């Protein structure tokens, strides 16, 4: 189970970075410079990481019997910028110790 949590921590980090790049770099370039290429470039990897994050959150949440509040926080973190970093530090890091 520790290896699955380690994979989830990596996916959470990459998902958080891709989300920030998409929201704060690619989308402004798309609308301000009228250049959608960065959204196309970052959109697919972010989407795959997002799906991976959700699937792993469900699997790990069931395995570790997370409380509903913890599970909801982990899932909600996938749509709030920078929140996956918080989840990694406050929830996932404790699970690997």
N, C-alpha and C. Protein backbone atom coordinates (compact mmCIF):
# COMPACT_ATOMS: atom_id res chain seq x y z
N UNK A 1 0.82 -1.20 0.00
CA UNK A 1 0.00 0.00 0.00
C UNK A 1 0.87 1.26 0.00
N UNK A 2 2.03 1.20 0.65
CA UNK A 2 2.90 2.37 0.69
C UNK A 2 3.34 2.78 -0.71
N UNK A 3 3.57 1.80 -1.58
CA UNK A 3 3.99 2.15 -2.94
C UNK A 3 2.86 2.84 -3.70
N UNK A 4 1.61 2.42 -3.45
CA UNK A 4 0.47 3.06 -4.11
C UNK A 4 0.32 4.50 -3.62
N UNK A 5 0.54 4.71 -2.34
CA UNK A 5 0.48 6.07 -1.81
C UNK A 5 1.61 6.91 -2.39
N UNK A 6 2.78 6.32 -2.55
CA UNK A 6 3.90 7.06 -3.16
C UNK A 6 3.58 7.47 -4.58
N UNK A 7 2.96 6.56 -5.33
CA UNK A 7 2.54 6.89 -6.70
C UNK A 7 1.49 8.00 -6.67
N UNK A 8 0.56 7.90 -5.73
CA UNK A 8 -0.48 8.92 -5.61
C UNK A 8 0.12 10.28 -5.28
N UNK A 9 1.14 10.30 -4.42
CA UNK A 9 1.80 11.57 -4.08
C UNK A 9 2.45 12.19 -5.31
N UNK A 10 3.06 11.37 -6.15
CA UNK A 10 3.68 11.87 -7.38
C UNK A 10 2.62 12.40 -8.33
N UNK A 11 1.54 11.64 -8.49
CA UNK A 11 0.44 12.07 -9.36
C UNK A 11 -0.17 13.37 -8.84
N UNK A 12 -0.33 13.48 -7.53
CA UNK A 12 -0.89 14.71 -6.94
C UNK A 12 0.01 15.90 -7.22
N UNK A 13 1.32 15.71 -7.10
CA UNK A 13 2.26 16.78 -7.39
C UNK A 13 2.18 17.20 -8.85
N UNK A 14 2.22 16.24 -9.74
CA UNK A 14 2.18 16.54 -11.18
C UNK A 14 0.83 17.15 -11.58
N UNK A 15 -0.26 16.64 -10.99
CA UNK A 15 -1.58 17.19 -11.30
C UNK A 15 -1.67 18.63 -10.83
N UNK A 16 -1.14 18.91 -9.65
CA UNK A 16 -1.16 20.28 -9.14
C UNK A 16 -0.34 21.23 -10.00
N UNK A 17 0.83 20.79 -10.42
CA UNK A 17 1.68 21.62 -11.29
C UNK A 17 1.01 21.84 -12.64
N UNK A 18 0.47 20.79 -13.22
CA UNK A 18 -0.17 20.94 -14.53
C UNK A 18 -1.39 21.86 -14.46
N UNK A 19 -2.13 21.78 -13.35
CA UNK A 19 -3.30 22.64 -13.17
C UNK A 19 -2.90 24.11 -13.06
N UNK A 20 -1.85 24.37 -12.31
CA UNK A 20 -1.36 25.75 -12.16
C UNK A 20 -0.86 26.29 -13.50
N UNK A 21 -0.09 25.48 -14.21
CA UNK A 21 0.39 25.91 -15.53
C UNK A 21 -0.77 26.18 -16.48
N UNK A 22 -1.75 25.32 -16.44
CA UNK A 22 -2.91 25.49 -17.32
C UNK A 22 -3.69 26.75 -16.97
N UNK A 23 -3.99 26.94 -15.69
CA UNK A 23 -4.81 28.09 -15.28
C UNK A 23 -4.09 29.43 -15.36
N UNK A 24 -2.83 29.46 -14.96
CA UNK A 24 -2.16 30.74 -14.81
C UNK A 24 -1.20 31.10 -15.94
N UNK A 25 -0.95 30.17 -16.83
CA UNK A 25 -0.10 30.47 -17.97
C UNK A 25 -0.83 30.23 -19.29
N UNK A 26 -1.30 28.99 -19.48
CA UNK A 26 -1.89 28.64 -20.78
C UNK A 26 -3.20 29.39 -21.07
N UNK A 27 -4.09 29.44 -20.11
CA UNK A 27 -5.38 30.11 -20.35
C UNK A 27 -5.21 31.62 -20.57
N UNK A 28 -4.41 32.32 -19.77
CA UNK A 28 -4.21 33.74 -20.08
C UNK A 28 -3.58 33.97 -21.46
N UNK A 29 -2.64 33.12 -21.85
CA UNK A 29 -2.05 33.26 -23.19
C UNK A 29 -3.11 33.02 -24.25
N UNK A 30 -3.98 32.06 -24.01
CA UNK A 30 -5.04 31.76 -24.98
C UNK A 30 -5.94 32.99 -25.20
N UNK A 31 -6.34 33.63 -24.11
CA UNK A 31 -7.28 34.73 -24.25
C UNK A 31 -6.63 36.10 -24.48
N UNK A 32 -5.46 36.30 -23.96
CA UNK A 32 -4.81 37.60 -24.15
C UNK A 32 -4.01 37.67 -25.45
N UNK A 33 -3.36 36.59 -25.80
CA UNK A 33 -2.54 36.57 -27.02
C UNK A 33 -3.23 35.82 -28.16
N UNK A 34 -4.42 35.32 -27.89
CA UNK A 34 -5.19 34.57 -28.90
C UNK A 34 -4.37 33.42 -29.48
N UNK A 35 -3.71 32.70 -28.59
CA UNK A 35 -2.88 31.57 -28.98
C UNK A 35 -3.26 30.34 -28.15
N UNK A 36 -4.12 29.46 -28.68
CA UNK A 36 -4.60 28.32 -27.90
C UNK A 36 -3.64 27.13 -27.85
N UNK A 37 -2.47 27.24 -28.43
CA UNK A 37 -1.59 26.07 -28.51
C UNK A 37 -1.15 25.56 -27.14
N UNK A 38 -0.97 26.45 -26.17
CA UNK A 38 -0.52 26.01 -24.84
C UNK A 38 -1.62 25.26 -24.09
N UNK A 39 -2.87 25.68 -24.29
CA UNK A 39 -3.98 24.96 -23.68
C UNK A 39 -4.07 23.57 -24.29
N UNK A 40 -3.90 23.47 -25.60
CA UNK A 40 -3.92 22.16 -26.25
C UNK A 40 -2.75 21.30 -25.77
N UNK A 41 -1.61 21.91 -25.60
CA UNK A 41 -0.42 21.19 -25.17
C UNK A 41 -0.53 20.68 -23.73
N UNK A 42 -1.06 21.50 -22.83
CA UNK A 42 -1.15 21.13 -21.42
C UNK A 42 -2.47 20.46 -21.04
N UNK A 43 -3.48 20.61 -21.87
CA UNK A 43 -4.81 20.11 -21.53
C UNK A 43 -4.89 18.60 -21.40
N UNK A 44 -4.36 17.88 -22.36
CA UNK A 44 -4.44 16.42 -22.33
C UNK A 44 -3.65 15.82 -21.17
N UNK A 45 -2.38 16.21 -20.97
CA UNK A 45 -1.67 15.66 -19.81
C UNK A 45 -2.36 15.97 -18.48
N UNK A 46 -2.88 17.19 -18.36
CA UNK A 46 -3.58 17.54 -17.12
C UNK A 46 -4.82 16.67 -16.96
N UNK A 47 -5.55 16.46 -18.02
CA UNK A 47 -6.75 15.63 -17.95
C UNK A 47 -6.44 14.20 -17.52
N UNK A 48 -5.39 13.64 -18.07
CA UNK A 48 -4.98 12.29 -17.68
C UNK A 48 -4.53 12.23 -16.22
N UNK A 49 -3.78 13.23 -15.80
CA UNK A 49 -3.35 13.29 -14.40
C UNK A 49 -4.54 13.48 -13.46
N UNK A 50 -5.51 14.27 -13.88
CA UNK A 50 -6.71 14.49 -13.08
C UNK A 50 -7.48 13.18 -12.89
N UNK A 51 -7.68 12.45 -13.97
CA UNK A 51 -8.38 11.17 -13.89
C UNK A 51 -7.60 10.19 -13.02
N UNK A 52 -6.29 10.14 -13.20
CA UNK A 52 -5.45 9.28 -12.37
C UNK A 52 -5.55 9.65 -10.89
N UNK A 53 -5.56 10.94 -10.61
CA UNK A 53 -5.68 11.42 -9.24
C UNK A 53 -6.99 10.95 -8.61
N UNK A 54 -8.08 11.11 -9.34
CA UNK A 54 -9.40 10.72 -8.81
C UNK A 54 -9.47 9.22 -8.58
N UNK A 55 -9.01 8.44 -9.57
CA UNK A 55 -9.05 6.98 -9.44
C UNK A 55 -8.21 6.51 -8.26
N UNK A 56 -7.00 7.03 -8.14
CA UNK A 56 -6.15 6.64 -7.02
C UNK A 56 -6.72 7.10 -5.68
N UNK A 57 -7.34 8.26 -5.65
CA UNK A 57 -7.97 8.74 -4.42
C UNK A 57 -9.07 7.79 -3.98
N UNK A 58 -9.86 7.32 -4.92
CA UNK A 58 -10.94 6.37 -4.60
C UNK A 58 -10.36 5.06 -4.08
N UNK A 59 -9.37 4.53 -4.78
CA UNK A 59 -8.76 3.26 -4.37
C UNK A 59 -8.12 3.36 -2.98
N UNK A 60 -7.33 4.39 -2.78
CA UNK A 60 -6.63 4.55 -1.50
C UNK A 60 -7.61 4.88 -0.38
N UNK A 61 -8.61 5.71 -0.69
CA UNK A 61 -9.61 6.06 0.32
C UNK A 61 -10.36 4.85 0.83
N UNK A 62 -10.71 3.94 -0.08
CA UNK A 62 -11.39 2.71 0.34
C UNK A 62 -10.45 1.81 1.13
N UNK A 63 -9.23 1.69 0.67
CA UNK A 63 -8.25 0.81 1.32
C UNK A 63 -7.91 1.28 2.74
N UNK A 64 -7.78 2.58 2.92
CA UNK A 64 -7.40 3.13 4.23
C UNK A 64 -8.60 3.54 5.07
N UNK A 65 -9.80 3.32 4.56
CA UNK A 65 -11.03 3.68 5.28
C UNK A 65 -11.04 5.14 5.73
N UNK A 66 -10.75 6.02 4.76
CA UNK A 66 -10.79 7.44 5.07
C UNK A 66 -12.18 7.85 5.49
N UNK A 67 -12.24 8.79 6.41
CA UNK A 67 -13.53 9.37 6.79
C UNK A 67 -14.07 10.14 5.59
N UNK A 68 -15.35 10.36 5.57
CA UNK A 68 -15.99 11.08 4.47
C UNK A 68 -15.39 12.47 4.30
N UNK A 69 -15.10 13.13 5.41
CA UNK A 69 -14.52 14.47 5.36
C UNK A 69 -13.14 14.45 4.70
N UNK A 70 -12.31 13.48 5.05
CA UNK A 70 -10.97 13.36 4.47
C UNK A 70 -11.07 13.06 2.98
N UNK A 71 -11.93 12.12 2.63
CA UNK A 71 -12.11 11.77 1.22
C UNK A 71 -12.60 12.97 0.42
N UNK A 72 -13.57 13.69 0.96
CA UNK A 72 -14.10 14.86 0.26
C UNK A 72 -13.02 15.93 0.09
N UNK A 73 -12.18 16.11 1.10
CA UNK A 73 -11.09 17.09 1.01
C UNK A 73 -10.11 16.70 -0.09
N UNK A 74 -9.76 15.42 -0.16
CA UNK A 74 -8.81 14.95 -1.17
C UNK A 74 -9.40 15.14 -2.57
N UNK A 75 -10.66 14.81 -2.76
CA UNK A 75 -11.31 14.97 -4.07
C UNK A 75 -11.45 16.45 -4.41
N UNK A 76 -11.88 17.26 -3.47
CA UNK A 76 -12.04 18.70 -3.69
C UNK A 76 -10.71 19.36 -4.05
N UNK A 77 -9.63 18.85 -3.49
CA UNK A 77 -8.30 19.41 -3.75
C UNK A 77 -7.93 19.33 -5.22
N UNK A 78 -8.53 18.42 -5.96
CA UNK A 78 -8.18 18.28 -7.37
C UNK A 78 -8.72 19.42 -8.23
N UNK A 79 -9.64 20.21 -7.70
CA UNK A 79 -10.20 21.31 -8.49
C UNK A 79 -9.84 22.69 -7.95
N UNK A 80 -9.14 22.73 -6.83
CA UNK A 80 -8.71 24.00 -6.25
C UNK A 80 -7.21 24.16 -6.48
N UNK A 81 -6.79 25.24 -7.14
CA UNK A 81 -5.35 25.42 -7.37
C UNK A 81 -4.55 25.37 -6.06
N UNK A 82 -3.42 24.72 -6.10
CA UNK A 82 -2.49 24.57 -4.98
C UNK A 82 -2.97 23.61 -3.89
N UNK A 83 -4.20 23.14 -3.95
CA UNK A 83 -4.74 22.30 -2.87
C UNK A 83 -4.15 20.90 -2.86
N UNK A 84 -3.70 20.39 -3.99
CA UNK A 84 -3.10 19.05 -3.98
C UNK A 84 -1.79 19.06 -3.19
N UNK A 85 -1.11 20.19 -3.15
CA UNK A 85 0.12 20.29 -2.36
C UNK A 85 -0.21 20.22 -0.86
N UNK A 86 -1.31 20.84 -0.48
CA UNK A 86 -1.78 20.78 0.91
C UNK A 86 -2.13 19.35 1.29
N UNK A 87 -2.88 18.68 0.43
CA UNK A 87 -3.28 17.29 0.68
C UNK A 87 -2.05 16.40 0.82
N UNK A 88 -1.08 16.63 -0.03
CA UNK A 88 0.15 15.83 0.05
C UNK A 88 0.82 15.99 1.40
N UNK A 89 0.94 17.20 1.87
CA UNK A 89 1.64 17.47 3.13
C UNK A 89 0.84 17.06 4.37
N UNK A 90 -0.46 17.30 4.36
CA UNK A 90 -1.27 17.07 5.56
C UNK A 90 -1.87 15.67 5.66
N UNK A 91 -2.10 15.01 4.54
CA UNK A 91 -2.78 13.71 4.58
C UNK A 91 -1.87 12.59 4.06
N UNK A 92 -1.37 12.74 2.85
CA UNK A 92 -0.64 11.65 2.22
C UNK A 92 0.71 11.39 2.85
N UNK A 93 1.42 12.43 3.23
CA UNK A 93 2.74 12.26 3.84
C UNK A 93 2.63 11.47 5.15
N UNK A 94 1.58 11.71 5.91
CA UNK A 94 1.37 10.99 7.17
C UNK A 94 1.09 9.51 6.93
N UNK A 95 0.46 9.18 5.81
CA UNK A 95 0.12 7.79 5.50
C UNK A 95 1.35 6.97 5.14
N UNK A 96 2.41 7.64 4.65
CA UNK A 96 3.61 6.90 4.24
C UNK A 96 4.59 6.71 5.38
N UNK A 97 4.40 7.42 6.47
CA UNK A 97 5.34 7.30 7.62
C UNK A 97 5.11 6.04 8.40
